[in-house]
Amino acid sequence: MFEILYRTVQEFKDTDRVFLAYALEDQNIVNISESTYYRGMKELLNKGFIAETTVQNSYFINPAFIFNGDCLSFVKSYVLTKSSSIKELK
C-alpha cells in the first residue's frame, strides 16, 4: 500500500492531498487484493502517514514522512514571510 501512496504522491507534485481509491488503482502496476488494500490504508492512517479529510477517498499527506514539494522553495518562502512580518512590527 505504501508503494501505491508513493506513486500517487509522485503523480501530483506540490500538493498536500492525495486521492486514493481501490477502483482507480492500476492492477498491472501494483497487483493487490481489495482486502489487502483496505488493511494497508488502515495501517497508513493509524501510523500517521496520511490523515482523512471530509472528502471521501481524499487524504492529507503527513509532511514529516513524505514531503511532496520543493524543500528549498518551502524554506525560501518561510524566510521571506518571516522577514516581512518582522518589518511590519517595527
N, C-alpha and C. Protein backbone atom coordinates (compact mmCIF):
# COMPACT_ATOMS: atom_id res chain seq x y z
N MET A 1 0.83 -1.19 0.00
CA MET A 1 0.00 0.00 0.00
C MET A 1 0.87 1.25 0.00
N PHE A 2 2.01 1.18 0.69
CA PHE A 2 2.90 2.34 0.70
C PHE A 2 3.39 2.66 -0.72
N GLU A 3 3.63 1.63 -1.53
CA GLU A 3 4.06 1.85 -2.91
C GLU A 3 2.99 2.61 -3.70
N ILE A 4 1.74 2.27 -3.48
CA ILE A 4 0.65 2.97 -4.16
C ILE A 4 0.61 4.43 -3.72
N LEU A 5 0.75 4.67 -2.42
CA LEU A 5 0.78 6.03 -1.90
C LEU A 5 1.95 6.80 -2.51
N TYR A 6 3.11 6.18 -2.53
CA TYR A 6 4.32 6.84 -3.06
C TYR A 6 4.15 7.19 -4.54
N ARG A 7 3.62 6.27 -5.33
CA ARG A 7 3.40 6.53 -6.76
C ARG A 7 2.38 7.65 -6.96
N THR A 8 1.34 7.68 -6.16
CA THR A 8 0.31 8.71 -6.27
C THR A 8 0.88 10.08 -5.92
N VAL A 9 1.70 10.14 -4.89
CA VAL A 9 2.34 11.40 -4.49
C VAL A 9 3.23 11.92 -5.61
N GLN A 10 3.95 11.04 -6.29
CA GLN A 10 4.82 11.45 -7.39
C GLN A 10 4.02 12.01 -8.57
N GLU A 11 2.84 11.50 -8.79
CA GLU A 11 2.00 11.97 -9.90
C GLU A 11 1.47 13.39 -9.65
N PHE A 12 1.18 13.72 -8.40
CA PHE A 12 0.59 15.01 -8.06
C PHE A 12 1.55 15.80 -7.18
N LYS A 13 2.52 16.42 -7.82
CA LYS A 13 3.59 17.15 -7.14
C LYS A 13 3.06 18.45 -6.53
N ASP A 14 3.68 18.88 -5.46
CA ASP A 14 3.41 20.16 -4.79
C ASP A 14 1.99 20.30 -4.25
N THR A 15 1.46 19.23 -3.72
CA THR A 15 0.15 19.30 -3.07
C THR A 15 0.21 18.50 -1.77
N ASP A 16 -0.64 18.85 -0.83
CA ASP A 16 -0.63 18.16 0.45
C ASP A 16 -1.75 17.12 0.55
N ARG A 17 -2.43 16.85 -0.56
CA ARG A 17 -3.52 15.87 -0.57
C ARG A 17 -3.33 14.85 -1.67
N VAL A 18 -3.86 13.67 -1.43
CA VAL A 18 -3.88 12.62 -2.45
C VAL A 18 -5.28 12.02 -2.49
N PHE A 19 -5.63 11.50 -3.64
CA PHE A 19 -6.91 10.82 -3.83
C PHE A 19 -6.60 9.34 -4.03
N LEU A 20 -7.05 8.51 -3.11
CA LEU A 20 -6.77 7.07 -3.16
C LEU A 20 -8.08 6.29 -3.13
N ALA A 21 -8.29 5.48 -4.16
CA ALA A 21 -9.48 4.63 -4.22
C ALA A 21 -9.09 3.32 -4.89
N TYR A 22 -9.53 2.22 -4.34
CA TYR A 22 -9.16 0.90 -4.88
C TYR A 22 -9.58 0.75 -6.34
N ALA A 23 -10.75 1.23 -6.69
CA ALA A 23 -11.27 1.07 -8.05
C ALA A 23 -10.40 1.78 -9.10
N LEU A 24 -9.64 2.78 -8.67
CA LEU A 24 -8.81 3.55 -9.60
C LEU A 24 -7.39 3.01 -9.74
N GLU A 25 -7.01 2.06 -8.91
CA GLU A 25 -5.64 1.53 -8.94
C GLU A 25 -5.43 0.63 -10.15
N ASP A 26 -4.32 0.81 -10.82
CA ASP A 26 -3.95 0.01 -11.99
C ASP A 26 -3.35 -1.32 -11.50
N GLN A 27 -4.09 -2.39 -11.64
CA GLN A 27 -3.64 -3.70 -11.16
C GLN A 27 -2.43 -4.23 -11.93
N ASN A 28 -2.14 -3.66 -13.10
CA ASN A 28 -0.95 -4.08 -13.84
C ASN A 28 0.32 -3.52 -13.23
N ILE A 29 0.22 -2.40 -12.53
CA ILE A 29 1.40 -1.80 -11.89
C ILE A 29 1.61 -2.41 -10.51
N VAL A 30 0.58 -2.38 -9.68
CA VAL A 30 0.65 -2.97 -8.33
C VAL A 30 -0.55 -3.90 -8.18
N ASN A 31 -0.29 -5.19 -8.21
CA ASN A 31 -1.35 -6.18 -8.08
C ASN A 31 -1.63 -6.41 -6.60
N ILE A 32 -2.79 -5.95 -6.15
CA ILE A 32 -3.14 -6.03 -4.73
C ILE A 32 -4.63 -6.34 -4.61
N SER A 33 -4.97 -7.19 -3.66
CA SER A 33 -6.39 -7.52 -3.46
C SER A 33 -7.08 -6.38 -2.73
N GLU A 34 -8.39 -6.35 -2.83
CA GLU A 34 -9.16 -5.29 -2.19
C GLU A 34 -9.02 -5.31 -0.66
N SER A 35 -9.02 -6.51 -0.08
CA SER A 35 -8.90 -6.59 1.38
C SER A 35 -7.51 -6.13 1.84
N THR A 36 -6.48 -6.48 1.08
CA THR A 36 -5.12 -6.04 1.42
C THR A 36 -5.02 -4.52 1.28
N TYR A 37 -5.66 -3.98 0.26
CA TYR A 37 -5.66 -2.53 0.03
C TYR A 37 -6.23 -1.81 1.25
N TYR A 38 -7.39 -2.24 1.72
CA TYR A 38 -8.04 -1.56 2.84
C TYR A 38 -7.31 -1.78 4.17
N ARG A 39 -6.70 -2.94 4.35
CA ARG A 39 -5.87 -3.14 5.54
C ARG A 39 -4.67 -2.20 5.50
N GLY A 40 -4.07 -2.03 4.33
CA GLY A 40 -2.94 -1.11 4.17
C GLY A 40 -3.34 0.33 4.41
N MET A 41 -4.51 0.72 3.93
CA MET A 41 -5.00 2.08 4.16
C MET A 41 -5.20 2.33 5.65
N LYS A 42 -5.76 1.34 6.32
CA LYS A 42 -5.98 1.48 7.77
C LYS A 42 -4.65 1.64 8.50
N GLU A 43 -3.65 0.88 8.09
CA GLU A 43 -2.33 0.98 8.74
C GLU A 43 -1.68 2.33 8.45
N LEU A 44 -1.78 2.83 7.22
CA LEU A 44 -1.23 4.15 6.90
C LEU A 44 -1.89 5.24 7.75
N LEU A 45 -3.19 5.11 7.97
CA LEU A 45 -3.91 6.07 8.82
C LEU A 45 -3.48 5.95 10.27
N ASN A 46 -3.39 4.73 10.78
CA ASN A 46 -3.01 4.51 12.18
C ASN A 46 -1.58 4.96 12.47
N LYS A 47 -0.69 4.79 11.50
CA LYS A 47 0.73 5.16 11.69
C LYS A 47 0.98 6.64 11.42
N GLY A 48 -0.02 7.36 10.91
CA GLY A 48 0.10 8.80 10.71
C GLY A 48 0.73 9.22 9.40
N PHE A 49 0.87 8.32 8.44
CA PHE A 49 1.41 8.69 7.13
C PHE A 49 0.42 9.58 6.38
N ILE A 50 -0.86 9.29 6.54
CA ILE A 50 -1.92 10.07 5.92
C ILE A 50 -3.00 10.35 6.96
N ALA A 51 -3.84 11.35 6.67
CA ALA A 51 -4.97 11.68 7.54
C ALA A 51 -6.20 11.90 6.67
N GLU A 52 -7.34 11.49 7.17
CA GLU A 52 -8.59 11.63 6.42
C GLU A 52 -9.01 13.09 6.30
N THR A 53 -9.66 13.40 5.20
CA THR A 53 -10.29 14.71 5.02
C THR A 53 -11.80 14.51 5.07
N THR A 54 -12.54 15.58 4.86
CA THR A 54 -14.00 15.47 4.85
C THR A 54 -14.51 14.94 3.52
N VAL A 55 -13.63 14.86 2.51
CA VAL A 55 -13.99 14.36 1.19
C VAL A 55 -13.64 12.87 1.10
N GLN A 56 -14.56 12.06 0.65
CA GLN A 56 -14.34 10.62 0.57
C GLN A 56 -13.17 10.30 -0.35
N ASN A 57 -12.29 9.39 0.08
CA ASN A 57 -11.11 8.93 -0.66
C ASN A 57 -10.04 10.00 -0.85
N SER A 58 -10.13 11.11 -0.15
CA SER A 58 -9.13 12.17 -0.20
C SER A 58 -8.42 12.21 1.15
N TYR A 59 -7.09 12.29 1.11
CA TYR A 59 -6.29 12.21 2.33
C TYR A 59 -5.21 13.29 2.33
N PHE A 60 -4.89 13.79 3.52
CA PHE A 60 -3.75 14.68 3.69
C PHE A 60 -2.50 13.83 3.84
N ILE A 61 -1.39 14.32 3.31
CA ILE A 61 -0.10 13.65 3.45
C ILE A 61 0.61 14.26 4.65
N ASN A 62 1.20 13.44 5.50
CA ASN A 62 1.97 13.93 6.64
C ASN A 62 3.36 14.33 6.14
N PRO A 63 3.70 15.64 6.14
CA PRO A 63 5.00 16.07 5.61
C PRO A 63 6.18 15.59 6.44
N ALA A 64 5.94 15.10 7.65
CA ALA A 64 7.04 14.55 8.44
C ALA A 64 7.53 13.23 7.85
N PHE A 65 6.67 12.54 7.12
CA PHE A 65 7.03 11.27 6.49
C PHE A 65 7.28 11.42 4.99
N ILE A 66 6.42 12.17 4.31
CA ILE A 66 6.53 12.35 2.86
C ILE A 66 6.31 13.82 2.56
N PHE A 67 7.37 14.51 2.12
CA PHE A 67 7.24 15.91 1.74
C PHE A 67 7.04 15.96 0.24
N ASN A 68 5.92 16.47 -0.20
CA ASN A 68 5.57 16.47 -1.61
C ASN A 68 5.77 17.85 -2.22
N GLY A 69 7.00 18.31 -2.23
CA GLY A 69 7.27 19.62 -2.81
C GLY A 69 8.75 19.90 -2.82
N ASP A 70 9.09 21.12 -3.12
CA ASP A 70 10.47 21.56 -3.20
C ASP A 70 10.87 22.14 -1.85
N CYS A 71 11.75 21.45 -1.12
CA CYS A 71 12.15 21.89 0.22
C CYS A 71 12.80 23.27 0.19
N LEU A 72 13.64 23.52 -0.80
CA LEU A 72 14.33 24.80 -0.90
C LEU A 72 13.32 25.93 -1.11
N SER A 73 12.35 25.72 -1.95
CA SER A 73 11.30 26.71 -2.19
C SER A 73 10.50 26.95 -0.91
N PHE A 74 10.21 25.90 -0.18
CA PHE A 74 9.47 26.00 1.08
C PHE A 74 10.24 26.85 2.08
N VAL A 75 11.54 26.61 2.23
CA VAL A 75 12.36 27.36 3.18
C VAL A 75 12.44 28.82 2.76
N LYS A 76 12.64 29.10 1.47
CA LYS A 76 12.72 30.48 0.99
C LYS A 76 11.43 31.23 1.28
N SER A 77 10.29 30.61 1.03
CA SER A 77 9.02 31.29 1.27
C SER A 77 8.80 31.53 2.75
N TYR A 78 9.23 30.61 3.60
CA TYR A 78 9.09 30.79 5.05
C TYR A 78 9.96 31.93 5.52
N VAL A 79 11.20 32.00 5.05
CA VAL A 79 12.11 33.07 5.46
C VAL A 79 11.57 34.42 4.98
N LEU A 80 11.09 34.48 3.74
CA LEU A 80 10.54 35.74 3.24
C LEU A 80 9.33 36.17 4.04
N THR A 81 8.47 35.26 4.37
CA THR A 81 7.29 35.58 5.16
C THR A 81 7.68 36.06 6.55
N LYS A 82 8.64 35.39 7.16
CA LYS A 82 9.09 35.77 8.48
C LYS A 82 9.73 37.15 8.44
N SER A 83 10.56 37.43 7.44
CA SER A 83 11.22 38.73 7.33
C SER A 83 10.21 39.85 7.15
N SER A 84 9.20 39.65 6.31
CA SER A 84 8.21 40.69 6.09
C SER A 84 7.39 40.94 7.36
N SER A 85 7.16 39.91 8.17
CA SER A 85 6.41 40.07 9.41
C SER A 85 7.20 40.90 10.41
N ILE A 86 8.52 40.72 10.44
CA ILE A 86 9.38 41.47 11.35
C ILE A 86 9.38 42.94 10.96
N LYS A 87 9.42 43.24 9.68
CA LYS A 87 9.39 44.63 9.21
C LYS A 87 8.08 45.30 9.59
N GLU A 88 6.99 44.56 9.55
CA GLU A 88 5.70 45.12 9.88
C GLU A 88 5.60 45.50 11.36
N LEU A 89 6.32 44.78 12.23
CA LEU A 89 6.28 45.04 13.67
C LEU A 89 7.02 46.32 14.04
N LYS A 90 7.98 46.75 13.23
CA LYS A 90 8.78 47.95 13.56
C LYS A 90 8.04 49.22 13.37
